[in-house]
Amino acid sequence: DGMACRIADQAALEIIAPHVHHLVQVTDAEVAQAMRAIFHDTHNVSEGAGAAAFAAALQERAALQGQLVGITLSGGNVDSALFARVLAQA
């Protein structure tokens, strides 16, 4: 998956950091819940990296209430066996 790394790339962080105003850390369980919600609510398939932004929005939904929020859904390249396990957790 696109988030599987132990150490962030320092060069990438140096480019990104000046533009980040707020950071949200999500758990694997929150990402899985976001994957399930995306599938059940929109009938789209998203891998964990693609669902992470939606997981963050779900986590911060109280703070985002009343605002217009745009989230890019990407990453439909998820292993079918893994996706089946995620869906079965519901």
N, C-alpha and C. Protein backbone atom coordinates (compact mmCIF):
# COMPACT_ATOMS: atom_id res chain seq x y z
N ASP A 1 0.84 -1.18 0.00
CA ASP A 1 0.00 0.00 0.00
C ASP A 1 0.88 1.24 0.00
N GLY A 2 0.36 2.34 -0.42
CA GLY A 2 1.12 3.57 -0.59
C GLY A 2 1.59 4.22 0.69
N MET A 3 1.16 3.74 1.84
CA MET A 3 1.59 4.34 3.11
C MET A 3 2.58 3.47 3.86
N ALA A 4 2.94 2.35 3.31
CA ALA A 4 3.79 1.40 4.00
C ALA A 4 5.25 1.84 3.95
N CYS A 5 5.68 2.60 4.94
CA CYS A 5 7.08 2.98 5.05
C CYS A 5 7.42 3.15 6.53
N ARG A 6 8.65 2.86 6.86
CA ARG A 6 9.07 2.98 8.26
C ARG A 6 9.58 4.39 8.57
N ILE A 7 10.24 4.99 7.59
CA ILE A 7 10.83 6.31 7.78
C ILE A 7 10.42 7.19 6.60
N ALA A 8 9.91 8.37 6.91
CA ALA A 8 9.52 9.30 5.84
C ALA A 8 10.75 9.79 5.09
N ASP A 9 10.60 10.02 3.79
CA ASP A 9 11.68 10.52 2.96
C ASP A 9 11.98 11.97 3.33
N GLN A 10 13.19 12.24 3.78
CA GLN A 10 13.57 13.56 4.26
C GLN A 10 13.41 14.64 3.19
N ALA A 11 13.80 14.34 1.97
CA ALA A 11 13.68 15.33 0.89
C ALA A 11 12.22 15.68 0.63
N ALA A 12 11.36 14.68 0.66
CA ALA A 12 9.93 14.93 0.46
C ALA A 12 9.36 15.77 1.61
N LEU A 13 9.76 15.45 2.84
CA LEU A 13 9.29 16.21 3.99
C LEU A 13 9.70 17.68 3.92
N GLU A 14 10.91 17.94 3.45
CA GLU A 14 11.39 19.32 3.34
C GLU A 14 10.57 20.13 2.33
N ILE A 15 10.07 19.46 1.31
CA ILE A 15 9.24 20.14 0.31
C ILE A 15 7.82 20.35 0.84
N ILE A 16 7.29 19.35 1.51
CA ILE A 16 5.90 19.38 1.96
C ILE A 16 5.69 20.21 3.21
N ALA A 17 6.58 20.11 4.18
CA ALA A 17 6.39 20.71 5.51
C ALA A 17 6.00 22.18 5.52
N PRO A 18 6.60 23.04 4.70
CA PRO A 18 6.23 24.46 4.75
C PRO A 18 4.77 24.73 4.36
N HIS A 19 4.14 23.78 3.71
CA HIS A 19 2.78 23.97 3.21
C HIS A 19 1.72 23.27 4.06
N VAL A 20 2.14 22.58 5.10
CA VAL A 20 1.21 21.83 5.95
C VAL A 20 0.80 22.69 7.13
N HIS A 21 -0.51 22.85 7.30
CA HIS A 21 -1.03 23.65 8.41
C HIS A 21 -1.63 22.79 9.50
N HIS A 22 -2.03 21.59 9.15
CA HIS A 22 -2.69 20.70 10.11
C HIS A 22 -2.43 19.26 9.68
N LEU A 23 -2.11 18.42 10.62
CA LEU A 23 -1.81 17.02 10.34
C LEU A 23 -2.74 16.15 11.16
N VAL A 24 -3.26 15.09 10.56
CA VAL A 24 -4.14 14.16 11.25
C VAL A 24 -3.55 12.77 11.12
N GLN A 25 -3.36 12.10 12.24
CA GLN A 25 -2.86 10.72 12.23
C GLN A 25 -4.05 9.78 12.37
N VAL A 26 -4.16 8.82 11.47
CA VAL A 26 -5.25 7.86 11.52
C VAL A 26 -4.71 6.47 11.80
N THR A 27 -5.53 5.65 12.44
CA THR A 27 -5.14 4.28 12.76
C THR A 27 -5.50 3.36 11.59
N ASP A 28 -4.95 2.16 11.63
CA ASP A 28 -5.31 1.16 10.62
C ASP A 28 -6.81 0.87 10.68
N ALA A 29 -7.37 0.83 11.88
CA ALA A 29 -8.81 0.56 12.04
C ALA A 29 -9.64 1.68 11.41
N GLU A 30 -9.20 2.93 11.56
CA GLU A 30 -9.93 4.06 10.96
C GLU A 30 -9.84 4.02 9.44
N VAL A 31 -8.70 3.63 8.91
CA VAL A 31 -8.55 3.51 7.46
C VAL A 31 -9.45 2.39 6.95
N ALA A 32 -9.49 1.27 7.66
CA ALA A 32 -10.36 0.16 7.26
C ALA A 32 -11.83 0.59 7.27
N GLN A 33 -12.23 1.33 8.31
CA GLN A 33 -13.60 1.82 8.38
C GLN A 33 -13.90 2.76 7.21
N ALA A 34 -12.95 3.59 6.85
CA ALA A 34 -13.14 4.49 5.71
C ALA A 34 -13.28 3.69 4.41
N MET A 35 -12.48 2.65 4.25
CA MET A 35 -12.58 1.79 3.07
C MET A 35 -13.97 1.17 2.98
N ARG A 36 -14.48 0.69 4.13
CA ARG A 36 -15.82 0.10 4.15
C ARG A 36 -16.88 1.15 3.82
N ALA A 37 -16.78 2.32 4.40
CA ALA A 37 -17.77 3.37 4.15
C ALA A 37 -17.77 3.78 2.68
N ILE A 38 -16.60 3.93 2.11
CA ILE A 38 -16.51 4.30 0.69
C ILE A 38 -17.19 3.25 -0.17
N PHE A 39 -16.93 1.98 0.13
CA PHE A 39 -17.52 0.90 -0.65
C PHE A 39 -19.04 0.85 -0.46
N HIS A 40 -19.48 0.88 0.78
CA HIS A 40 -20.92 0.75 1.06
C HIS A 40 -21.71 1.97 0.60
N ASP A 41 -21.14 3.16 0.74
CA ASP A 41 -21.88 4.38 0.43
C ASP A 41 -21.80 4.80 -1.04
N THR A 42 -20.68 4.48 -1.70
CA THR A 42 -20.48 4.95 -3.07
C THR A 42 -20.26 3.82 -4.08
N HIS A 43 -20.08 2.61 -3.59
CA HIS A 43 -19.80 1.44 -4.44
C HIS A 43 -18.48 1.58 -5.19
N ASN A 44 -17.54 2.32 -4.59
CA ASN A 44 -16.19 2.45 -5.12
C ASN A 44 -15.23 1.68 -4.23
N VAL A 45 -14.15 1.21 -4.81
CA VAL A 45 -13.13 0.48 -4.08
C VAL A 45 -11.91 1.38 -3.92
N SER A 46 -11.40 1.45 -2.70
CA SER A 46 -10.21 2.25 -2.44
C SER A 46 -9.24 1.46 -1.58
N GLU A 47 -7.98 1.53 -1.91
CA GLU A 47 -6.96 0.94 -1.05
C GLU A 47 -6.78 1.84 0.17
N GLY A 48 -6.01 1.37 1.13
CA GLY A 48 -5.82 2.12 2.37
C GLY A 48 -5.28 3.52 2.15
N ALA A 49 -4.26 3.66 1.31
CA ALA A 49 -3.69 4.99 1.07
C ALA A 49 -4.71 5.92 0.44
N GLY A 50 -5.56 5.38 -0.40
CA GLY A 50 -6.59 6.19 -1.03
C GLY A 50 -7.69 6.60 -0.08
N ALA A 51 -7.92 5.81 0.96
CA ALA A 51 -8.98 6.08 1.92
C ALA A 51 -8.50 6.86 3.14
N ALA A 52 -7.20 7.08 3.26
CA ALA A 52 -6.65 7.73 4.45
C ALA A 52 -7.18 9.14 4.66
N ALA A 53 -7.30 9.92 3.59
CA ALA A 53 -7.81 11.29 3.73
C ALA A 53 -9.26 11.27 4.20
N PHE A 54 -10.05 10.33 3.70
CA PHE A 54 -11.44 10.21 4.15
C PHE A 54 -11.48 9.79 5.61
N ALA A 55 -10.57 8.89 6.02
CA ALA A 55 -10.49 8.48 7.43
C ALA A 55 -10.19 9.69 8.31
N ALA A 56 -9.30 10.56 7.85
CA ALA A 56 -8.97 11.77 8.62
C ALA A 56 -10.18 12.69 8.72
N ALA A 57 -10.92 12.83 7.62
CA ALA A 57 -12.12 13.68 7.65
C ALA A 57 -13.17 13.11 8.59
N LEU A 58 -13.32 11.79 8.60
CA LEU A 58 -14.26 11.16 9.53
C LEU A 58 -13.84 11.42 10.97
N GLN A 59 -12.54 11.32 11.22
CA GLN A 59 -12.03 11.56 12.57
C GLN A 59 -12.29 13.00 13.01
N GLU A 60 -12.21 13.93 12.07
CA GLU A 60 -12.34 15.35 12.38
C GLU A 60 -13.72 15.91 12.00
N ARG A 61 -14.70 15.03 11.85
CA ARG A 61 -16.00 15.47 11.34
C ARG A 61 -16.65 16.56 12.18
N ALA A 62 -16.47 16.55 13.50
CA ALA A 62 -17.07 17.60 14.34
C ALA A 62 -16.46 18.96 13.99
N ALA A 63 -15.16 19.01 13.81
CA ALA A 63 -14.49 20.27 13.48
C ALA A 63 -14.82 20.72 12.06
N LEU A 64 -15.15 19.78 11.19
CA LEU A 64 -15.44 20.11 9.80
C LEU A 64 -16.92 20.40 9.55
N GLN A 65 -17.75 20.17 10.55
CA GLN A 65 -19.20 20.35 10.39
C GLN A 65 -19.51 21.76 9.89
N GLY A 66 -20.37 21.83 8.87
CA GLY A 66 -20.77 23.11 8.31
C GLY A 66 -19.83 23.65 7.25
N GLN A 67 -18.71 22.97 7.01
CA GLN A 67 -17.75 23.42 6.01
C GLN A 67 -17.89 22.57 4.75
N LEU A 68 -17.47 23.12 3.64
CA LEU A 68 -17.38 22.34 2.41
C LEU A 68 -16.02 21.67 2.41
N VAL A 69 -16.01 20.36 2.26
CA VAL A 69 -14.77 19.59 2.32
C VAL A 69 -14.64 18.78 1.03
N GLY A 70 -13.51 18.89 0.38
CA GLY A 70 -13.24 18.10 -0.81
C GLY A 70 -12.15 17.08 -0.52
N ILE A 71 -12.38 15.85 -0.92
CA ILE A 71 -11.40 14.78 -0.69
C ILE A 71 -11.21 14.03 -2.01
N THR A 72 -9.97 13.84 -2.39
CA THR A 72 -9.67 13.07 -3.58
C THR A 72 -9.67 11.59 -3.23
N LEU A 73 -10.50 10.83 -3.92
CA LEU A 73 -10.53 9.38 -3.73
C LEU A 73 -9.65 8.75 -4.80
N SER A 74 -8.66 8.00 -4.37
CA SER A 74 -7.75 7.38 -5.32
C SER A 74 -7.34 6.01 -4.81
N GLY A 75 -6.61 5.30 -5.62
CA GLY A 75 -6.00 4.05 -5.17
C GLY A 75 -6.93 2.87 -5.11
N GLY A 76 -7.46 2.45 -6.25
CA GLY A 76 -8.30 1.26 -6.29
C GLY A 76 -7.51 -0.02 -6.41
N ASN A 77 -6.19 0.05 -6.25
CA ASN A 77 -5.32 -1.11 -6.41
C ASN A 77 -5.15 -1.83 -5.08
N VAL A 78 -6.21 -2.47 -4.62
CA VAL A 78 -6.15 -3.19 -3.35
C VAL A 78 -6.28 -4.68 -3.63
N ASP A 79 -5.51 -5.48 -2.93
CA ASP A 79 -5.58 -6.93 -3.05
C ASP A 79 -6.99 -7.39 -2.70
N SER A 80 -7.58 -8.23 -3.54
CA SER A 80 -8.98 -8.64 -3.33
C SER A 80 -9.17 -9.40 -2.02
N ALA A 81 -8.21 -10.23 -1.63
CA ALA A 81 -8.33 -10.97 -0.37
C ALA A 81 -8.28 -10.01 0.83
N LEU A 82 -7.39 -9.03 0.76
CA LEU A 82 -7.30 -8.03 1.82
C LEU A 82 -8.59 -7.22 1.89
N PHE A 83 -9.10 -6.80 0.74
CA PHE A 83 -10.33 -6.01 0.72
C PHE A 83 -11.50 -6.81 1.29
N ALA A 84 -11.56 -8.09 0.97
CA ALA A 84 -12.62 -8.95 1.52
C ALA A 84 -12.53 -9.02 3.04
N ARG A 85 -11.31 -9.11 3.58
CA ARG A 85 -11.14 -9.13 5.04
C ARG A 85 -11.58 -7.81 5.66
N VAL A 86 -11.23 -6.70 5.02
CA VAL A 86 -11.64 -5.39 5.52
C VAL A 86 -13.16 -5.29 5.55
N LEU A 87 -13.82 -5.72 4.46
CA LEU A 87 -15.28 -5.66 4.41
C LEU A 87 -15.91 -6.57 5.46
N ALA A 88 -15.30 -7.71 5.72
CA ALA A 88 -15.85 -8.67 6.69
C ALA A 88 -15.76 -8.16 8.12
N GLN A 89 -14.90 -7.19 8.38
CA GLN A 89 -14.74 -6.66 9.74
C GLN A 89 -15.95 -5.85 10.18
N ALA A 90 -16.80 -5.47 9.27
CA ALA A 90 -17.94 -4.59 9.59
C ALA A 90 -18.85 -5.14 10.59
